[in-house]
């Protein structure tokens, strides 16, 4: 099984913490770093579930620089500073 590592960062923007995936238009906001991370984790899970089993997931991931993503590819989310 292949693995894709998505990198996310948390920053303070306009009165809240904002967690964003570097190469995808996915983000979560919260009043703390942990809240923003938790929201982003849920956003990513929902996004994957919505795209799972469709050609959209493979194509969107390829467009973001992750070619070859299949249904059995494991997607990991890592937060960095």
C-alpha atoms as a PDB file:
ATOM      1  CA  UNK A   1       0.000   0.000   0.000  1.00  0.00           C
ATOM      2  CA  UNK A   2       1.316   3.429  -0.947  1.00  0.00           C
ATOM      3  CA  UNK A   3       1.210   6.366   1.443  1.00  0.00           C
ATOM      4  CA  UNK A   4       0.692  10.053   0.689  1.00  0.00           C
ATOM      5  CA  UNK A   5       1.822  12.588   3.280  1.00  0.00           C
ATOM      6  CA  UNK A   6      -0.118  15.841   3.382  1.00  0.00           C
ATOM      7  CA  UNK A   7       1.607  18.692   5.204  1.00  0.00           C
ATOM      8  CA  UNK A   8      -0.487  21.172   7.180  1.00  0.00           C
ATOM      9  CA  UNK A   9       0.424  24.349   9.026  1.00  0.00           C
ATOM     10  CA  UNK A  10      -1.383  26.400  11.661  1.00  0.00           C
ATOM     11  CA  UNK A  11      -1.171  30.179  11.722  1.00  0.00           C
ATOM     12  CA  UNK A  12      -2.924  33.060  13.446  1.00  0.00           C
ATOM     13  CA  UNK A  13      -5.078  34.938  10.950  1.00  0.00           C
ATOM     14  CA  UNK A  14      -7.787  37.529  11.478  1.00  0.00           C
ATOM     15  CA  UNK A  15      -8.577  36.673  15.080  1.00  0.00           C
ATOM     16  CA  UNK A  16      -8.426  32.876  14.952  1.00  0.00           C
ATOM     17  CA  UNK A  17      -6.089  29.981  14.331  1.00  0.00           C
ATOM     18  CA  UNK A  18      -6.238  28.633  10.794  1.00  0.00           C
ATOM     19  CA  UNK A  19      -4.946  25.177   9.850  1.00  0.00           C
ATOM     20  CA  UNK A  20      -4.326  24.645   6.121  1.00  0.00           C
ATOM     21  CA  UNK A  21      -3.098  21.763   3.977  1.00  0.00           C
ATOM     22  CA  UNK A  22      -0.199  23.063   1.875  1.00  0.00           C
ATOM     23  CA  UNK A  23      -1.225  21.706  -1.527  1.00  0.00           C
ATOM     24  CA  UNK A  24      -4.998  21.342  -1.243  1.00  0.00           C
ATOM     25  CA  UNK A  25      -7.764  23.886  -0.614  1.00  0.00           C
ATOM     26  CA  UNK A  26      -8.623  22.402   2.786  1.00  0.00           C
ATOM     27  CA  UNK A  27      -8.646  24.354   6.030  1.00  0.00           C
ATOM     28  CA  UNK A  28      -9.993  24.363   9.548  1.00  0.00           C
ATOM     29  CA  UNK A  29     -10.350  27.231  12.009  1.00  0.00           C
ATOM     30  CA  UNK A  30     -10.545  27.415  15.760  1.00  0.00           C
ATOM     31  CA  UNK A  31      -9.960  29.539  18.833  1.00  0.00           C
ATOM     32  CA  UNK A  32      -6.901  27.433  19.700  1.00  0.00           C
ATOM     33  CA  UNK A  33      -4.205  25.583  17.765  1.00  0.00           C
ATOM     34  CA  UNK A  34      -5.678  22.236  18.826  1.00  0.00           C
ATOM     35  CA  UNK A  35      -9.208  23.253  17.804  1.00  0.00           C
ATOM     36  CA  UNK A  36      -7.992  24.329  14.359  1.00  0.00           C
ATOM     37  CA  UNK A  37      -6.103  21.040  13.938  1.00  0.00           C
ATOM     38  CA  UNK A  38      -9.112  18.969  14.984  1.00  0.00           C
ATOM     39  CA  UNK A  39     -11.372  20.826  12.573  1.00  0.00           C
ATOM     40  CA  UNK A  40      -8.906  20.327   9.724  1.00  0.00           C
ATOM     41  CA  UNK A  41      -8.669  16.605  10.486  1.00  0.00           C
ATOM     42  CA  UNK A  42     -12.457  16.356  10.168  1.00  0.00           C
ATOM     43  CA  UNK A  43     -12.437  18.421   6.963  1.00  0.00           C
ATOM     44  CA  UNK A  44      -9.799  16.128   5.428  1.00  0.00           C
ATOM     45  CA  UNK A  45     -11.713  12.979   6.468  1.00  0.00           C
ATOM     46  CA  UNK A  46     -14.934  14.302   4.983  1.00  0.00           C
ATOM     47  CA  UNK A  47     -13.169  15.412   1.807  1.00  0.00           C
ATOM     48  CA  UNK A  48     -11.610  11.963   1.333  1.00  0.00           C
ATOM     49  CA  UNK A  49     -14.935  10.206   2.005  1.00  0.00           C
ATOM     50  CA  UNK A  50     -16.716  12.460  -0.492  1.00  0.00           C
ATOM     51  CA  UNK A  51     -14.101  11.699  -3.166  1.00  0.00           C
ATOM     52  CA  UNK A  52     -13.480   8.024  -2.315  1.00  0.00           C
ATOM     53  CA  UNK A  53     -14.306   5.636  -5.120  1.00  0.00           C
ATOM     54  CA  UNK A  54     -14.417   8.366  -7.733  1.00  0.00           C
ATOM     55  CA  UNK A  55     -11.920   9.496 -10.320  1.00  0.00           C
ATOM     56  CA  UNK A  56     -12.065  12.947  -8.706  1.00  0.00           C
ATOM     57  CA  UNK A  57      -9.841  11.907  -5.794  1.00  0.00           C
ATOM     58  CA  UNK A  58      -7.120  10.536  -8.044  1.00  0.00           C
ATOM     59  CA  UNK A  59      -7.283  13.538 -10.378  1.00  0.00           C
ATOM     60  CA  UNK A  60      -7.376  16.142  -7.599  1.00  0.00           C
ATOM     61  CA  UNK A  61      -4.424  14.528  -5.837  1.00  0.00           C
ATOM     62  CA  UNK A  62      -2.492  14.336  -9.131  1.00  0.00           C
ATOM     63  CA  UNK A  63      -3.190  18.024  -9.764  1.00  0.00           C
ATOM     64  CA  UNK A  64      -1.831  18.789  -6.265  1.00  0.00           C
ATOM     65  CA  UNK A  65       1.406  16.927  -7.003  1.00  0.00           C
ATOM     66  CA  UNK A  66       0.493  13.448  -5.792  1.00  0.00           C
ATOM     67  CA  UNK A  67       0.144  11.254  -8.897  1.00  0.00           C
ATOM     68  CA  UNK A  68      -0.886   7.615  -8.659  1.00  0.00           C
ATOM     69  CA  UNK A  69      -3.264   7.862  -5.682  1.00  0.00           C
ATOM     70  CA  UNK A  70      -5.582   4.846  -5.728  1.00  0.00           C
ATOM     71  CA  UNK A  71      -8.403   3.660  -3.452  1.00  0.00           C
ATOM     72  CA  UNK A  72      -5.988   1.709  -1.259  1.00  0.00           C
ATOM     73  CA  UNK A  73      -3.523   4.604  -0.853  1.00  0.00           C
ATOM     74  CA  UNK A  74      -3.129   5.647   2.763  1.00  0.00           C
ATOM     75  CA  UNK A  75      -3.372   9.394   3.319  1.00  0.00           C
ATOM     76  CA  UNK A  76      -1.536  10.826   6.328  1.00  0.00           C
ATOM     77  CA  UNK A  77      -1.814  14.364   7.650  1.00  0.00           C
ATOM     78  CA  UNK A  78       1.199  15.874   9.392  1.00  0.00           C
ATOM     79  CA  UNK A  79       1.270  19.259  11.099  1.00  0.00           C
ATOM     80  CA  UNK A  80       4.545  21.185  10.925  1.00  0.00           C
ATOM     81  CA  UNK A  81       5.647  24.554  12.257  1.00  0.00           C
END
